[in-house]
Amino acid sequence: MSVSTVEVMFTKDRRWVVACEGSEDHVPCASRGVAIAAAMKIAIENDAVLLIHGIDDKPDELFFKECEASVVE
């Protein structure tokens, strides 16, 4: 999967989800922290921009291009 943007969002039905650009699917997560961890892994693996939304606010943008971090599984 090659994506350029990964987003952590709070939905209208009050769930945290991870959404990848180009995909209609949203991955539901138990908490914002779990969603951020999952989204970071996807963003690092794909050299993607990570957008982390709060509840009713604008996203913070993190760019992982050329990031050299090991992923612990």
C-alpha atoms as a PDB file:
ATOM      1  CA  MET A   1       0.000   0.000   0.000  1.00  0.00           C
ATOM      2  CA  SER A   2       1.406   3.381  -0.945  1.00  0.00           C
ATOM      3  CA  VAL A   3      -0.251   6.381   0.677  1.00  0.00           C
ATOM      4  CA  SER A   4       0.783  10.005   1.003  1.00  0.00           C
ATOM      5  CA  THR A   5      -1.511  11.018   3.887  1.00  0.00           C
ATOM      6  CA  VAL A   6      -2.641   9.156   6.991  1.00  0.00           C
ATOM      7  CA  GLU A   7      -5.195  10.763   9.323  1.00  0.00           C
ATOM      8  CA  VAL A   8      -6.327  10.163  12.885  1.00  0.00           C
ATOM      9  CA  MET A   9      -9.888  11.460  13.243  1.00  0.00           C
ATOM     10  CA  PHE A  10     -12.749  11.531  15.752  1.00  0.00           C
ATOM     11  CA  THR A  11     -15.964  10.533  14.000  1.00  0.00           C
ATOM     12  CA  LYS A  12     -19.495  11.809  14.475  1.00  0.00           C
ATOM     13  CA  ASP A  13     -20.357   8.556  16.234  1.00  0.00           C
ATOM     14  CA  ARG A  14     -17.603   9.346  18.781  1.00  0.00           C
ATOM     15  CA  ARG A  15     -14.940   6.844  17.673  1.00  0.00           C
ATOM     16  CA  TRP A  16     -11.264   7.351  16.858  1.00  0.00           C
ATOM     17  CA  VAL A  17     -10.318   6.012  13.423  1.00  0.00           C
ATOM     18  CA  VAL A  18      -7.301   5.873  11.116  1.00  0.00           C
ATOM     19  CA  ALA A  19      -7.935   6.826   7.498  1.00  0.00           C
ATOM     20  CA  CYS A  20      -5.503   6.508   4.589  1.00  0.00           C
ATOM     21  CA  GLU A  21      -5.714   8.652   1.483  1.00  0.00           C
ATOM     22  CA  GLY A  22      -7.124   6.693  -1.440  1.00  0.00           C
ATOM     23  CA  SER A  23      -9.006   4.225   0.744  1.00  0.00           C
ATOM     24  CA  GLU A  24     -12.666   4.320   1.726  1.00  0.00           C
ATOM     25  CA  ASP A  25     -11.940   2.141   4.765  1.00  0.00           C
ATOM     26  CA  HIS A  26     -11.449   3.604   8.230  1.00  0.00           C
ATOM     27  CA  VAL A  27      -9.774   1.502  10.913  1.00  0.00           C
ATOM     28  CA  PRO A  28     -11.608   1.937  14.253  1.00  0.00           C
ATOM     29  CA  CYS A  29      -9.400   2.200  17.348  1.00  0.00           C
ATOM     30  CA  ALA A  30     -10.078   1.923  21.081  1.00  0.00           C
ATOM     31  CA  SER A  31      -8.569   5.336  21.894  1.00  0.00           C
ATOM     32  CA  ARG A  32      -6.805   8.329  20.345  1.00  0.00           C
ATOM     33  CA  GLY A  33      -3.452   6.967  21.550  1.00  0.00           C
ATOM     34  CA  VAL A  34      -4.000   3.608  19.872  1.00  0.00           C
ATOM     35  CA  ALA A  35      -5.053   5.381  16.672  1.00  0.00           C
ATOM     36  CA  ILE A  36      -1.936   7.594  16.733  1.00  0.00           C
ATOM     37  CA  ALA A  37       0.345   4.576  17.239  1.00  0.00           C
ATOM     38  CA  ALA A  38      -1.267   2.695  14.346  1.00  0.00           C
ATOM     39  CA  ALA A  39      -1.206   5.749  12.085  1.00  0.00           C
ATOM     40  CA  MET A  40       2.461   6.477  12.900  1.00  0.00           C
ATOM     41  CA  LYS A  41       3.427   2.948  11.865  1.00  0.00           C
ATOM     42  CA  ILE A  42       1.571   3.306   8.551  1.00  0.00           C
ATOM     43  CA  ALA A  43       2.997   6.792   7.931  1.00  0.00           C
ATOM     44  CA  ILE A  44       6.591   5.733   8.621  1.00  0.00           C
ATOM     45  CA  GLU A  45       6.299   2.634   6.423  1.00  0.00           C
ATOM     46  CA  ASN A  46       4.925   4.728   3.537  1.00  0.00           C
ATOM     47  CA  ASP A  47       6.915   7.992   3.958  1.00  0.00           C
ATOM     48  CA  ALA A  48       3.532   9.662   4.439  1.00  0.00           C
ATOM     49  CA  VAL A  49       2.282  12.819   6.109  1.00  0.00           C
ATOM     50  CA  LEU A  50       0.462  12.108   9.369  1.00  0.00           C
ATOM     51  CA  LEU A  51      -2.459  14.375  10.298  1.00  0.00           C
ATOM     52  CA  ILE A  52      -3.679  14.044  13.880  1.00  0.00           C
ATOM     53  CA  HIS A  53      -7.066  15.618  14.522  1.00  0.00           C
ATOM     54  CA  GLY A  54      -8.412  16.484  17.939  1.00  0.00           C
ATOM     55  CA  ILE A  55     -12.077  16.699  18.772  1.00  0.00           C
ATOM     56  CA  ASP A  56     -13.444  19.572  16.634  1.00  0.00           C
ATOM     57  CA  ASP A  57     -10.062  21.099  15.813  1.00  0.00           C
ATOM     58  CA  LYS A  58      -7.609  21.424  12.953  1.00  0.00           C
ATOM     59  CA  PRO A  59      -5.039  18.645  12.525  1.00  0.00           C
ATOM     60  CA  ASP A  60      -1.390  18.773  13.508  1.00  0.00           C
ATOM     61  CA  GLU A  61       0.801  17.728  10.580  1.00  0.00           C
ATOM     62  CA  LEU A  62       3.799  15.432  10.986  1.00  0.00           C
ATOM     63  CA  PHE A  63       5.947  14.565   7.991  1.00  0.00           C
ATOM     64  CA  PHE A  64       7.856  11.276   8.090  1.00  0.00           C
ATOM     65  CA  LYS A  65       9.725  11.528   4.774  1.00  0.00           C
ATOM     66  CA  GLU A  66      13.281  10.276   5.261  1.00  0.00           C
ATOM     67  CA  CYS A  67      12.574   9.465   8.908  1.00  0.00           C
ATOM     68  CA  GLU A  68      14.985   6.863  10.242  1.00  0.00           C
ATOM     69  CA  ALA A  69      13.157   5.174  13.086  1.00  0.00           C
ATOM     70  CA  SER A  70      12.955   1.488  13.743  1.00  0.00           C
ATOM     71  CA  VAL A  71       9.494   0.015  14.135  1.00  0.00           C
ATOM     72  CA  VAL A  72       9.024  -2.250  17.137  1.00  0.00           C
ATOM     73  CA  GLU A  73       6.499  -5.019  16.581  1.00  0.00           C
END
